[in-house]
Structures are given as structure tokens and as C-alpha cells.
Amino acid sequence: MGGEYYSYGRGYRLFFGTDARSLVGRESGIIEEGINEHTGFVNDSPTSAMLKQFTDIFSNEIATDLILDATNVKLREVALTFDLPRKMLKNTFIQSAALSAVGRNLLFLYNAAGDIDPEATYSSGPTSTAFEHSSLPSTRSYGMNLKINF
């Protein structure tokens, strides 16, 4: 619950036009709120969406729309285990056996950030949890375990 992080990856996707949010203003431009410094009236002149994306992402100021909520509920691991009945192992040297199916990083039940895993951070350092930088999606894995006691 809670926490925030800055997503450089989303910024780059917006800038290069590979994020769905970059479609806004692509055809007709974006009209910024404020006063037009040349006319002194309310601004009604559109600017290039790409230029706006560039200044929002690569200026010296923090682009607040790239600060994302890290709240998420994730199904991180599921293990289903079947213990073989002792009757099956009665005339063998095996005392017990269990077969398990395991899945990790299966799905998000809720992810406030949408398409970015808040745990896929910039690095493993102490400040890394505050930055995401073009992270790859978390790896989903499936496996089987066999446990035999002699």
C-alpha cells in the first residue's frame, strides 16, 4: 500500500510515441493553459505534442505525471502440493513423496500504475525503489517440484 516512484520508462515511451498516452495532440497539437506572451490574451495557439513531451520529460523540473502510485496487490506465488498416499509407497524404500506445481509472479489483482511493475526498479541500491528506468516486465515462471523422503 502506498509509496510512489518516478518512471523514466514511461517518459521515454511518451517521448518516442510508443505509449498510448502520446496520441493526445498528435494530429492537432496541444494548447497550453495560460497567456500568450505575444498577444497578451488567453493562449489559443497549439504547440507540437512532441515538443511538449520533450520539455515535460527532459527539462530540469520533475514531470509530475511520471510520478506513479506504487500501490499493488500481486499474486506473487502459488504452490499446489499433492502428498502421495502412504498406501502407494507401502512396499517401497520411500517413506513419503509429494508433487508440487509452483507459479511465481502470476498476475496483478490491482496495480495503480497500470502497465509497470512497481517492483521492477532501476537498480538494487537503497534509492532504487523510487526510480523505474525502462524496466523489463517481471518474469512469470512455472515449475514442478518432487520431494521424496527415504
N, C-alpha and C. Protein backbone atom coordinates (compact mmCIF):
# COMPACT_ATOMS: atom_id res chain seq x y z
N MET A 1 0.83 -1.18 0.00
CA MET A 1 0.00 0.00 0.00
C MET A 1 0.88 1.24 0.00
N GLY A 2 0.58 2.13 -0.86
CA GLY A 2 1.24 3.43 -0.86
C GLY A 2 2.61 3.42 -1.50
N GLY A 3 3.26 4.53 -1.35
CA GLY A 3 4.56 4.72 -1.97
C GLY A 3 4.40 5.28 -3.37
N GLU A 4 5.45 5.92 -3.83
CA GLU A 4 5.45 6.47 -5.18
C GLU A 4 6.81 6.22 -5.80
N TYR A 5 6.86 6.25 -7.13
CA TYR A 5 8.14 6.14 -7.82
C TYR A 5 8.05 6.93 -9.12
N TYR A 6 9.21 7.29 -9.63
CA TYR A 6 9.32 8.09 -10.85
C TYR A 6 9.63 7.15 -12.00
N SER A 7 8.85 7.22 -13.08
CA SER A 7 9.01 6.31 -14.20
C SER A 7 9.67 6.99 -15.39
N TYR A 8 10.98 6.80 -15.51
CA TYR A 8 11.69 7.27 -16.70
C TYR A 8 11.21 6.50 -17.94
N GLY A 9 10.91 5.22 -17.77
CA GLY A 9 10.47 4.39 -18.89
C GLY A 9 9.21 4.93 -19.53
N ARG A 10 8.23 5.32 -18.73
CA ARG A 10 7.01 5.89 -19.29
C ARG A 10 7.33 7.20 -20.01
N GLY A 11 8.23 7.99 -19.44
CA GLY A 11 8.64 9.24 -20.09
C GLY A 11 9.24 9.01 -21.47
N TYR A 12 10.12 8.02 -21.57
CA TYR A 12 10.72 7.70 -22.87
C TYR A 12 9.66 7.19 -23.85
N ARG A 13 8.74 6.35 -23.38
CA ARG A 13 7.69 5.85 -24.26
C ARG A 13 6.79 7.00 -24.74
N LEU A 14 6.51 7.95 -23.86
CA LEU A 14 5.73 9.12 -24.28
C LEU A 14 6.48 9.94 -25.32
N PHE A 15 7.75 10.18 -25.07
CA PHE A 15 8.55 10.99 -25.97
C PHE A 15 8.68 10.35 -27.35
N PHE A 16 8.93 9.05 -27.40
CA PHE A 16 9.13 8.38 -28.68
C PHE A 16 7.83 7.93 -29.33
N GLY A 17 6.69 8.19 -28.66
CA GLY A 17 5.40 7.91 -29.26
C GLY A 17 4.97 6.47 -29.20
N THR A 18 5.54 5.69 -28.31
CA THR A 18 5.16 4.27 -28.22
C THR A 18 4.20 4.00 -27.06
N ASP A 19 3.79 5.01 -26.35
CA ASP A 19 2.82 4.88 -25.27
C ASP A 19 1.48 5.43 -25.77
N ALA A 20 0.38 4.77 -25.43
CA ALA A 20 -0.94 5.21 -25.89
C ALA A 20 -1.24 6.65 -25.47
N ARG A 21 -0.69 7.08 -24.35
CA ARG A 21 -0.92 8.46 -23.89
C ARG A 21 -0.29 9.49 -24.83
N SER A 22 0.65 9.08 -25.66
CA SER A 22 1.31 10.02 -26.57
C SER A 22 0.43 10.38 -27.77
N LEU A 23 -0.70 9.73 -27.92
CA LEU A 23 -1.61 10.05 -29.03
C LEU A 23 -2.30 11.39 -28.85
N VAL A 24 -2.42 11.86 -27.61
CA VAL A 24 -3.11 13.13 -27.34
C VAL A 24 -2.36 14.27 -28.02
N GLY A 25 -3.06 14.98 -28.88
CA GLY A 25 -2.49 16.15 -29.55
C GLY A 25 -1.59 15.84 -30.73
N ARG A 26 -1.46 14.60 -31.10
CA ARG A 26 -0.54 14.25 -32.18
C ARG A 26 -0.96 14.87 -33.51
N GLU A 27 -2.27 14.89 -33.77
CA GLU A 27 -2.77 15.42 -35.04
C GLU A 27 -2.90 16.94 -35.03
N SER A 28 -3.43 17.50 -33.95
CA SER A 28 -3.74 18.93 -33.96
C SER A 28 -2.91 19.76 -32.99
N GLY A 29 -2.01 19.13 -32.26
CA GLY A 29 -1.19 19.86 -31.30
C GLY A 29 -1.90 19.98 -29.95
N ILE A 30 -1.21 20.62 -29.02
CA ILE A 30 -1.73 20.79 -27.66
C ILE A 30 -1.76 22.28 -27.36
N ILE A 31 -2.88 22.75 -26.81
CA ILE A 31 -2.98 24.16 -26.42
C ILE A 31 -2.73 24.24 -24.92
N GLU A 32 -1.63 24.87 -24.55
CA GLU A 32 -1.25 25.03 -23.14
C GLU A 32 -2.11 26.12 -22.51
N GLU A 33 -2.45 25.91 -21.23
CA GLU A 33 -3.19 26.93 -20.50
C GLU A 33 -2.25 28.10 -20.20
N GLY A 34 -2.80 29.30 -20.21
CA GLY A 34 -2.01 30.46 -19.87
C GLY A 34 -2.25 31.61 -20.83
N ILE A 35 -1.40 32.61 -20.72
CA ILE A 35 -1.49 33.82 -21.55
C ILE A 35 -0.42 33.75 -22.64
N ASN A 36 -0.81 34.03 -23.86
CA ASN A 36 0.13 34.07 -24.97
C ASN A 36 0.99 35.31 -24.80
N GLU A 37 2.30 35.12 -24.67
CA GLU A 37 3.19 36.26 -24.41
C GLU A 37 3.27 37.24 -25.58
N HIS A 38 2.90 36.82 -26.79
CA HIS A 38 2.96 37.70 -27.95
C HIS A 38 1.70 38.56 -28.10
N THR A 39 0.55 38.01 -27.67
CA THR A 39 -0.71 38.74 -27.85
C THR A 39 -1.25 39.32 -26.56
N GLY A 40 -0.88 38.74 -25.41
CA GLY A 40 -1.39 39.18 -24.13
C GLY A 40 -2.77 38.61 -23.80
N PHE A 41 -3.30 37.80 -24.69
CA PHE A 41 -4.61 37.18 -24.48
C PHE A 41 -4.44 35.72 -24.09
N VAL A 42 -5.57 35.09 -23.72
CA VAL A 42 -5.55 33.66 -23.39
C VAL A 42 -4.98 32.91 -24.59
N ASN A 43 -4.08 31.98 -24.31
CA ASN A 43 -3.42 31.23 -25.37
C ASN A 43 -4.41 30.36 -26.13
N ASP A 44 -4.39 30.49 -27.45
CA ASP A 44 -5.18 29.61 -28.29
C ASP A 44 -4.35 29.03 -29.43
N SER A 45 -3.02 29.16 -29.30
CA SER A 45 -2.10 28.64 -30.32
C SER A 45 -1.60 27.26 -29.91
N PRO A 46 -1.83 26.25 -30.76
CA PRO A 46 -1.35 24.91 -30.42
C PRO A 46 0.17 24.80 -30.57
N THR A 47 0.75 23.94 -29.77
CA THR A 47 2.17 23.64 -29.89
C THR A 47 2.31 22.16 -30.22
N SER A 48 3.44 21.78 -30.72
CA SER A 48 3.69 20.39 -31.09
C SER A 48 3.60 19.49 -29.85
N ALA A 49 2.88 18.39 -29.98
CA ALA A 49 2.77 17.43 -28.88
C ALA A 49 4.15 16.86 -28.53
N MET A 50 4.98 16.64 -29.55
CA MET A 50 6.32 16.09 -29.29
C MET A 50 7.18 17.09 -28.54
N LEU A 51 7.07 18.37 -28.88
CA LEU A 51 7.84 19.40 -28.18
C LEU A 51 7.40 19.48 -26.72
N LYS A 52 6.08 19.39 -26.48
CA LYS A 52 5.59 19.41 -25.11
C LYS A 52 6.10 18.19 -24.34
N GLN A 53 6.04 17.01 -24.97
CA GLN A 53 6.54 15.80 -24.31
C GLN A 53 8.02 15.97 -23.97
N PHE A 54 8.80 16.53 -24.89
CA PHE A 54 10.23 16.71 -24.65
C PHE A 54 10.48 17.62 -23.47
N THR A 55 9.79 18.77 -23.42
CA THR A 55 10.03 19.71 -22.32
C THR A 55 9.52 19.15 -21.00
N ASP A 56 8.42 18.39 -21.04
CA ASP A 56 7.90 17.80 -19.80
C ASP A 56 8.87 16.76 -19.24
N ILE A 57 9.49 15.99 -20.10
CA ILE A 57 10.31 14.86 -19.67
C ILE A 57 11.76 15.25 -19.41
N PHE A 58 12.33 16.08 -20.27
CA PHE A 58 13.76 16.32 -20.21
C PHE A 58 14.13 17.72 -19.72
N SER A 59 13.18 18.43 -19.13
CA SER A 59 13.52 19.73 -18.54
C SER A 59 14.11 19.50 -17.16
N ASN A 60 14.52 20.57 -16.51
CA ASN A 60 15.10 20.45 -15.18
C ASN A 60 14.05 20.23 -14.09
N GLU A 61 12.80 20.33 -14.45
CA GLU A 61 11.74 20.13 -13.48
C GLU A 61 11.26 18.68 -13.52
N ILE A 62 10.66 18.24 -12.44
CA ILE A 62 10.14 16.87 -12.38
C ILE A 62 8.77 16.85 -13.06
N ALA A 63 8.60 15.94 -14.00
CA ALA A 63 7.31 15.77 -14.67
C ALA A 63 6.40 15.00 -13.72
N THR A 64 5.49 15.70 -13.09
CA THR A 64 4.66 15.08 -12.05
C THR A 64 3.76 13.97 -12.59
N ASP A 65 3.44 14.00 -13.90
CA ASP A 65 2.62 12.91 -14.44
C ASP A 65 3.41 11.61 -14.60
N LEU A 66 4.72 11.66 -14.34
CA LEU A 66 5.54 10.45 -14.37
C LEU A 66 5.81 9.92 -12.97
N ILE A 67 5.23 10.55 -11.95
CA ILE A 67 5.30 10.03 -10.58
C ILE A 67 4.08 9.13 -10.40
N LEU A 68 4.32 7.86 -10.18
CA LEU A 68 3.25 6.87 -10.16
C LEU A 68 3.04 6.30 -8.76
N ASP A 69 1.83 5.92 -8.50
CA ASP A 69 1.46 5.28 -7.24
C ASP A 69 1.95 3.83 -7.28
N ALA A 70 2.68 3.40 -6.26
CA ALA A 70 3.24 2.05 -6.21
C ALA A 70 2.30 1.03 -5.57
N THR A 71 1.10 1.43 -5.20
CA THR A 71 0.16 0.51 -4.56
C THR A 71 -0.17 -0.62 -5.52
N ASN A 72 -0.04 -1.86 -5.04
CA ASN A 72 -0.40 -3.01 -5.86
C ASN A 72 -0.71 -4.21 -4.99
N VAL A 73 -1.50 -5.10 -5.55
CA VAL A 73 -1.78 -6.39 -4.93
C VAL A 73 -1.42 -7.42 -6.00
N LYS A 74 -0.47 -8.27 -5.64
CA LYS A 74 0.10 -9.17 -6.63
C LYS A 74 -0.01 -10.61 -6.15
N LEU A 75 -0.36 -11.50 -7.05
CA LEU A 75 -0.31 -12.92 -6.75
C LEU A 75 1.13 -13.35 -7.06
N ARG A 76 1.96 -13.28 -6.02
CA ARG A 76 3.40 -13.49 -6.20
C ARG A 76 3.77 -14.96 -6.35
N GLU A 77 3.15 -15.82 -5.57
CA GLU A 77 3.50 -17.23 -5.67
C GLU A 77 2.32 -18.11 -5.25
N VAL A 78 2.12 -19.18 -6.00
CA VAL A 78 1.13 -20.18 -5.68
C VAL A 78 1.81 -21.54 -5.78
N ALA A 79 1.61 -22.37 -4.76
CA ALA A 79 2.14 -23.74 -4.78
C ALA A 79 1.02 -24.69 -4.41
N LEU A 80 0.75 -25.63 -5.28
CA LEU A 80 -0.25 -26.66 -5.03
C LEU A 80 0.50 -27.98 -4.86
N THR A 81 0.31 -28.63 -3.71
CA THR A 81 1.07 -29.83 -3.39
C THR A 81 0.14 -31.02 -3.19
N PHE A 82 0.53 -32.13 -3.77
CA PHE A 82 -0.20 -33.39 -3.60
C PHE A 82 0.74 -34.38 -2.91
N ASP A 83 0.37 -34.79 -1.71
CA ASP A 83 1.12 -35.82 -1.00
C ASP A 83 0.65 -37.19 -1.47
N LEU A 84 1.58 -37.99 -1.95
CA LEU A 84 1.21 -39.34 -2.38
C LEU A 84 0.76 -40.16 -1.18
N PRO A 85 -0.32 -40.91 -1.31
CA PRO A 85 -0.81 -41.71 -0.19
C PRO A 85 0.23 -42.75 0.25
N ARG A 86 0.33 -42.96 1.54
CA ARG A 86 1.30 -43.93 2.08
C ARG A 86 1.03 -45.34 1.56
N LYS A 87 -0.22 -45.65 1.25
CA LYS A 87 -0.56 -46.97 0.70
C LYS A 87 0.19 -47.23 -0.60
N MET A 88 0.35 -46.18 -1.41
CA MET A 88 1.06 -46.33 -2.68
C MET A 88 2.53 -46.66 -2.47
N LEU A 89 3.09 -46.19 -1.36
CA LEU A 89 4.53 -46.33 -1.10
C LEU A 89 4.83 -47.48 -0.14
N LYS A 90 3.82 -48.24 0.21
CA LYS A 90 3.92 -49.25 1.27
C LYS A 90 5.06 -50.25 1.05
N ASN A 91 5.22 -50.81 -0.10
CA ASN A 91 6.23 -51.84 -0.35
C ASN A 91 7.48 -51.28 -1.04
N THR A 92 7.78 -50.00 -0.82
CA THR A 92 8.97 -49.39 -1.42
C THR A 92 9.88 -48.86 -0.32
N PHE A 93 11.07 -48.44 -0.71
CA PHE A 93 12.01 -47.84 0.25
C PHE A 93 11.70 -46.37 0.51
N ILE A 94 10.69 -45.82 -0.15
CA ILE A 94 10.31 -44.41 0.00
C ILE A 94 9.34 -44.27 1.17
N GLN A 95 9.68 -43.35 2.10
CA GLN A 95 8.80 -43.11 3.26
C GLN A 95 7.65 -42.17 2.93
N SER A 96 7.94 -41.14 2.15
CA SER A 96 6.90 -40.19 1.75
C SER A 96 7.33 -39.51 0.46
N ALA A 97 6.34 -39.01 -0.26
CA ALA A 97 6.61 -38.30 -1.51
C ALA A 97 5.52 -37.25 -1.73
N ALA A 98 5.92 -36.15 -2.33
CA ALA A 98 4.98 -35.06 -2.62
C ALA A 98 5.33 -34.46 -3.97
N LEU A 99 4.32 -34.12 -4.73
CA LEU A 99 4.49 -33.49 -6.03
C LEU A 99 3.82 -32.12 -5.97
N SER A 100 4.55 -31.08 -6.37
CA SER A 100 4.02 -29.71 -6.30
C SER A 100 4.10 -29.02 -7.65
N ALA A 101 3.11 -28.21 -7.92
CA ALA A 101 3.14 -27.29 -9.06
C ALA A 101 3.29 -25.89 -8.48
N VAL A 102 4.23 -25.12 -9.01
CA VAL A 102 4.54 -23.79 -8.46
C VAL A 102 4.47 -22.76 -9.59
N GLY A 103 3.87 -21.60 -9.28
CA GLY A 103 3.85 -20.48 -10.21
C GLY A 103 4.27 -19.22 -9.47
N ARG A 104 5.10 -18.39 -10.10
CA ARG A 104 5.57 -17.14 -9.49
C ARG A 104 5.27 -15.96 -10.40
N ASN A 105 4.96 -14.81 -9.78
CA ASN A 105 4.60 -13.57 -10.49
C ASN A 105 3.47 -13.84 -11.49
N LEU A 106 2.40 -14.42 -11.00
CA LEU A 106 1.32 -14.85 -11.89
C LEU A 106 0.48 -13.71 -12.42
N LEU A 107 0.08 -12.77 -11.55
CA LEU A 107 -0.76 -11.67 -12.04
C LEU A 107 -0.90 -10.60 -10.96
N PHE A 108 -1.35 -9.44 -11.41
CA PHE A 108 -1.71 -8.35 -10.50
C PHE A 108 -3.22 -8.41 -10.29
N LEU A 109 -3.64 -8.39 -9.05
CA LEU A 109 -5.05 -8.25 -8.75
C LEU A 109 -5.42 -6.77 -8.79
N TYR A 110 -4.44 -5.92 -8.47
CA TYR A 110 -4.62 -4.47 -8.54
C TYR A 110 -3.24 -3.84 -8.73
N ASN A 111 -3.12 -2.92 -9.66
CA ASN A 111 -1.87 -2.21 -9.89
C ASN A 111 -2.21 -0.76 -10.24
N ALA A 112 -1.99 0.15 -9.30
CA ALA A 112 -2.34 1.55 -9.50
C ALA A 112 -1.58 2.17 -10.67
N ALA A 113 -0.37 1.70 -10.94
CA ALA A 113 0.44 2.25 -12.03
C ALA A 113 0.00 1.73 -13.39
N GLY A 114 -0.79 0.70 -13.41
CA GLY A 114 -1.28 0.18 -14.68
C GLY A 114 -0.33 -0.81 -15.32
N ASP A 115 0.52 -0.34 -16.21
CA ASP A 115 1.32 -1.23 -17.03
C ASP A 115 2.76 -1.42 -16.57
N ILE A 116 3.13 -0.91 -15.40
CA ILE A 116 4.51 -1.02 -14.92
C ILE A 116 4.51 -1.72 -13.56
N ASP A 117 5.40 -2.68 -13.41
CA ASP A 117 5.53 -3.38 -12.14
C ASP A 117 6.34 -2.50 -11.18
N PRO A 118 5.75 -2.07 -10.06
CA PRO A 118 6.47 -1.22 -9.12
C PRO A 118 7.71 -1.89 -8.51
N GLU A 119 7.80 -3.21 -8.60
CA GLU A 119 8.95 -3.91 -8.06
C GLU A 119 10.09 -4.04 -9.07
N ALA A 120 9.85 -3.69 -10.32
CA ALA A 120 10.88 -3.74 -11.35
C ALA A 120 11.59 -2.38 -11.34
N THR A 121 12.54 -2.24 -10.45
CA THR A 121 13.14 -0.93 -10.21
C THR A 121 14.43 -0.74 -10.99
N TYR A 122 14.99 0.46 -10.85
CA TYR A 122 16.16 0.90 -11.59
C TYR A 122 17.41 0.08 -11.29
N SER A 123 17.66 -0.21 -10.03
CA SER A 123 18.83 -0.99 -9.64
C SER A 123 18.56 -1.62 -8.28
N SER A 124 19.57 -2.18 -7.68
CA SER A 124 19.38 -2.81 -6.38
C SER A 124 19.84 -1.94 -5.22
N GLY A 125 20.19 -0.71 -5.47
CA GLY A 125 20.65 0.20 -4.42
C GLY A 125 19.52 0.69 -3.54
N PRO A 126 19.85 1.41 -2.46
CA PRO A 126 18.83 1.84 -1.50
C PRO A 126 17.83 2.85 -2.06
N THR A 127 18.22 3.63 -3.06
CA THR A 127 17.28 4.60 -3.63
C THR A 127 16.56 4.07 -4.86
N SER A 128 16.84 2.85 -5.25
CA SER A 128 16.29 2.32 -6.49
C SER A 128 14.78 2.17 -6.46
N THR A 129 14.19 2.01 -5.30
CA THR A 129 12.74 1.81 -5.24
C THR A 129 11.98 3.07 -5.66
N ALA A 130 12.65 4.19 -5.77
CA ALA A 130 11.99 5.42 -6.16
C ALA A 130 12.08 5.68 -7.67
N PHE A 131 12.81 4.83 -8.41
CA PHE A 131 13.01 5.06 -9.84
C PHE A 131 12.76 3.79 -10.64
N GLU A 132 12.05 3.96 -11.75
CA GLU A 132 11.89 2.89 -12.73
C GLU A 132 12.47 3.45 -14.01
N HIS A 133 13.33 2.69 -14.67
CA HIS A 133 14.00 3.19 -15.86
C HIS A 133 13.95 2.15 -16.97
N SER A 134 12.86 2.15 -17.72
CA SER A 134 12.69 1.24 -18.85
C SER A 134 12.88 -0.22 -18.45
N SER A 135 12.29 -0.59 -17.33
CA SER A 135 12.43 -1.95 -16.81
C SER A 135 11.70 -2.96 -17.68
N LEU A 136 12.25 -4.14 -17.74
CA LEU A 136 11.56 -5.24 -18.40
C LEU A 136 10.46 -5.74 -17.48
N PRO A 137 9.42 -6.31 -18.03
CA PRO A 137 8.37 -6.85 -17.17
C PRO A 137 8.92 -7.95 -16.27
N SER A 138 8.30 -8.13 -15.12
CA SER A 138 8.70 -9.20 -14.22
C SER A 138 8.51 -10.54 -14.90
N THR A 139 9.41 -11.45 -14.63
CA THR A 139 9.35 -12.77 -15.24
C THR A 139 8.32 -13.64 -14.54
N ARG A 140 7.43 -14.19 -15.30
CA ARG A 140 6.46 -15.15 -14.78
C ARG A 140 7.08 -16.53 -14.97
N SER A 141 7.01 -17.36 -13.94
CA SER A 141 7.60 -18.69 -14.08
C SER A 141 6.68 -19.76 -13.51
N TYR A 142 6.81 -20.93 -14.08
CA TYR A 142 6.06 -22.10 -13.66
C TYR A 142 7.05 -23.23 -13.43
N GLY A 143 6.73 -24.11 -12.50
CA GLY A 143 7.63 -25.23 -12.26
C GLY A 143 6.95 -26.36 -11.51
N MET A 144 7.68 -27.44 -11.40
CA MET A 144 7.23 -28.62 -10.68
C MET A 144 8.31 -29.01 -9.69
N ASN A 145 7.89 -29.47 -8.53
CA ASN A 145 8.80 -29.97 -7.50
C ASN A 145 8.40 -31.39 -7.14
N LEU A 146 9.39 -32.22 -6.94
CA LEU A 146 9.16 -33.57 -6.46
C LEU A 146 10.01 -33.75 -5.21
N LYS A 147 9.38 -34.06 -4.10
CA LYS A 147 10.08 -34.25 -2.83
C LYS A 147 9.90 -35.70 -2.39
N ILE A 148 11.03 -36.38 -2.21
CA ILE A 148 10.99 -37.79 -1.81
C ILE A 148 11.82 -37.94 -0.55
N ASN A 149 11.25 -38.57 0.47
CA ASN A 149 11.97 -38.88 1.71
C ASN A 149 12.20 -40.38 1.77
N PHE A 150 13.47 -40.77 2.02
CA PHE A 150 13.83 -42.20 2.09
C PHE A 150 13.83 -42.66 3.52
